Amino acid sequence: MIAIDSRLYEGYIGRYRLKPDSILTVMREGSHFFAQSGAERYEIFPEGEREFFCKAVDAQITFEVDGKGRAASLVLHLNGQRMRASRIN
């Protein structure tokens, strides 16, 4: 885990469509960053400026950003799968 500028988080907060019926919501509460799908919510921690990991489950998230630093999509690495999710808001 590394320390990153917390202003970077603002460009990642939002909702991302994993599947037609599955939304991953990325949120911030104070200095903590979370990813939630359905009722499951997990804190995620930075490995780099765009790479995050979860301690509770074996998952990593990589944010794909535009020229302004706002995430247009993310890639969720979970259980050996690589799932791309487009930002919906």
C-alpha atoms as a PDB file:
ATOM      1  CA  MET A   1       0.000   0.000   0.000  1.00  0.00           C
ATOM      2  CA  ILE A   2       1.226   3.481  -0.866  1.00  0.00           C
ATOM      3  CA  ALA A   3       0.057   7.003  -0.135  1.00  0.00           C
ATOM      4  CA  ILE A   4      -1.454   8.898  -3.050  1.00  0.00           C
ATOM      5  CA  ASP A   5      -2.931  12.359  -3.417  1.00  0.00           C
ATOM      6  CA  SER A   6      -6.507  11.984  -2.187  1.00  0.00           C
ATOM      7  CA  ARG A   7      -7.680  14.371  -4.943  1.00  0.00           C
ATOM      8  CA  LEU A   8      -7.090  11.534  -7.408  1.00  0.00           C
ATOM      9  CA  TYR A   9      -9.963   9.654  -5.752  1.00  0.00           C
ATOM     10  CA  GLU A  10     -12.437  12.257  -6.958  1.00  0.00           C
ATOM     11  CA  GLY A  11     -11.860  11.208 -10.572  1.00  0.00           C
ATOM     12  CA  TYR A  12     -12.610   7.573  -9.739  1.00  0.00           C
ATOM     13  CA  ILE A  13     -15.820   7.959  -7.702  1.00  0.00           C
ATOM     14  CA  GLY A  14     -18.866   6.805  -9.618  1.00  0.00           C
ATOM     15  CA  ARG A  15     -20.843   3.850 -10.891  1.00  0.00           C
ATOM     16  CA  TYR A  16     -19.491   1.318 -13.380  1.00  0.00           C
ATOM     17  CA  ARG A  17     -21.471  -1.331 -15.296  1.00  0.00           C
ATOM     18  CA  LEU A  18     -19.811  -4.765 -15.020  1.00  0.00           C
ATOM     19  CA  LYS A  19     -22.689  -6.673 -16.668  1.00  0.00           C
ATOM     20  CA  PRO A  20     -26.180  -5.650 -17.746  1.00  0.00           C
ATOM     21  CA  ASP A  21     -27.459  -6.417 -14.238  1.00  0.00           C
ATOM     22  CA  SER A  22     -24.324  -5.701 -12.183  1.00  0.00           C
ATOM     23  CA  ILE A  23     -23.107  -2.265 -11.079  1.00  0.00           C
ATOM     24  CA  LEU A  24     -19.885  -1.581  -9.162  1.00  0.00           C
ATOM     25  CA  THR A  25     -20.047   1.630  -7.150  1.00  0.00           C
ATOM     26  CA  VAL A  26     -16.815   3.324  -6.109  1.00  0.00           C
ATOM     27  CA  MET A  27     -17.114   5.747  -3.193  1.00  0.00           C
ATOM     28  CA  ARG A  28     -15.076   7.676  -0.690  1.00  0.00           C
ATOM     29  CA  GLU A  29     -15.742   8.245   3.000  1.00  0.00           C
ATOM     30  CA  GLY A  30     -13.183  10.580   4.498  1.00  0.00           C
ATOM     31  CA  SER A  31      -9.770   9.133   3.716  1.00  0.00           C
ATOM     32  CA  HIS A  32     -11.184   5.659   2.955  1.00  0.00           C
ATOM     33  CA  PHE A  33     -12.063   4.356  -0.509  1.00  0.00           C
ATOM     34  CA  PHE A  34     -14.662   1.613  -1.122  1.00  0.00           C
ATOM     35  CA  ALA A  35     -16.026  -0.556  -3.928  1.00  0.00           C
ATOM     36  CA  GLN A  36     -19.544  -1.957  -3.603  1.00  0.00           C
ATOM     37  CA  SER A  37     -21.474  -4.446  -5.704  1.00  0.00           C
ATOM     38  CA  GLY A  38     -24.957  -5.248  -4.443  1.00  0.00           C
ATOM     39  CA  ALA A  39     -24.819  -5.636  -0.658  1.00  0.00           C
ATOM     40  CA  GLU A  40     -21.081  -6.405  -0.627  1.00  0.00           C
ATOM     41  CA  ARG A  41     -18.867  -3.419   0.201  1.00  0.00           C
ATOM     42  CA  TYR A  42     -15.095  -3.600   0.529  1.00  0.00           C
ATOM     43  CA  GLU A  43     -12.415  -1.068   1.330  1.00  0.00           C
ATOM     44  CA  ILE A  44      -9.816  -0.764  -1.412  1.00  0.00           C
ATOM     45  CA  PHE A  45      -6.234   0.428  -1.009  1.00  0.00           C
ATOM     46  CA  PRO A  46      -3.846   2.071  -3.499  1.00  0.00           C
ATOM     47  CA  GLU A  47      -0.936   0.181  -5.052  1.00  0.00           C
ATOM     48  CA  GLY A  48      -0.294   2.984  -7.532  1.00  0.00           C
ATOM     49  CA  GLU A  49      -2.073   6.064  -8.812  1.00  0.00           C
ATOM     50  CA  ARG A  50      -4.606   3.970 -10.776  1.00  0.00           C
ATOM     51  CA  GLU A  51      -4.211   0.520  -9.207  1.00  0.00           C
ATOM     52  CA  PHE A  52      -6.054  -0.582  -6.070  1.00  0.00           C
ATOM     53  CA  PHE A  53      -6.447  -3.835  -4.173  1.00  0.00           C
ATOM     54  CA  CYS A  54      -8.809  -5.310  -1.629  1.00  0.00           C
ATOM     55  CA  LYS A  55      -7.590  -7.030   1.533  1.00  0.00           C
ATOM     56  CA  ALA A  56     -10.865  -8.881   2.250  1.00  0.00           C
ATOM     57  CA  VAL A  57     -11.018 -10.709  -1.105  1.00  0.00           C
ATOM     58  CA  ASP A  58      -8.454 -11.387  -3.817  1.00  0.00           C
ATOM     59  CA  ALA A  59      -9.407  -8.489  -6.092  1.00  0.00           C
ATOM     60  CA  GLN A  60      -7.644  -5.630  -7.821  1.00  0.00           C
ATOM     61  CA  ILE A  61      -9.068  -2.616  -9.659  1.00  0.00           C
ATOM     62  CA  THR A  62      -7.286  -0.621 -12.329  1.00  0.00           C
ATOM     63  CA  PHE A  63      -8.879   2.683 -13.335  1.00  0.00           C
ATOM     64  CA  GLU A  64      -8.602   3.741 -16.994  1.00  0.00           C
ATOM     65  CA  VAL A  65      -8.560   7.540 -17.042  1.00  0.00           C
ATOM     66  CA  ASP A  66      -9.046  10.235 -19.652  1.00  0.00           C
ATOM     67  CA  GLY A  67      -6.745  13.214 -20.182  1.00  0.00           C
ATOM     68  CA  LYS A  68      -8.352  15.059 -17.253  1.00  0.00           C
ATOM     69  CA  GLY A  69      -7.726  12.245 -14.763  1.00  0.00           C
ATOM     70  CA  ARG A  70     -11.377  11.140 -14.676  1.00  0.00           C
ATOM     71  CA  ALA A  71     -11.952   7.393 -14.932  1.00  0.00           C
ATOM     72  CA  ALA A  72     -13.850   6.410 -18.073  1.00  0.00           C
ATOM     73  CA  SER A  73     -13.784   2.729 -17.115  1.00  0.00           C
ATOM     74  CA  LEU A  74     -12.139   0.253 -14.794  1.00  0.00           C
ATOM     75  CA  VAL A  75     -10.846  -3.282 -14.959  1.00  0.00           C
ATOM     76  CA  LEU A  76     -11.732  -5.609 -12.095  1.00  0.00           C
ATOM     77  CA  HIS A  77      -9.388  -8.559 -11.571  1.00  0.00           C
ATOM     78  CA  LEU A  78     -11.280 -11.132  -9.486  1.00  0.00           C
ATOM     79  CA  ASN A  79     -10.773 -14.897  -9.112  1.00  0.00           C
ATOM     80  CA  GLY A  80      -8.589 -15.106 -12.200  1.00  0.00           C
ATOM     81  CA  GLN A  81     -11.083 -13.163 -14.324  1.00  0.00           C
ATOM     82  CA  ARG A  82     -10.548  -9.778 -15.927  1.00  0.00           C
ATOM     83  CA  MET A  83     -13.772  -7.767 -16.245  1.00  0.00           C
ATOM     84  CA  ARG A  84     -13.973  -4.316 -17.840  1.00  0.00           C
ATOM     85  CA  ALA A  85     -16.657  -1.946 -16.575  1.00  0.00           C
ATOM     86  CA  SER A  86     -17.660   1.290 -18.305  1.00  0.00           C
ATOM     87  CA  ARG A  87     -18.498   4.325 -16.209  1.00  0.00           C
ATOM     88  CA  ILE A  88     -22.217   5.147 -16.242  1.00  0.00           C
ATOM     89  CA  ASN A  89     -22.091   8.341 -14.136  1.00  0.00           C
END
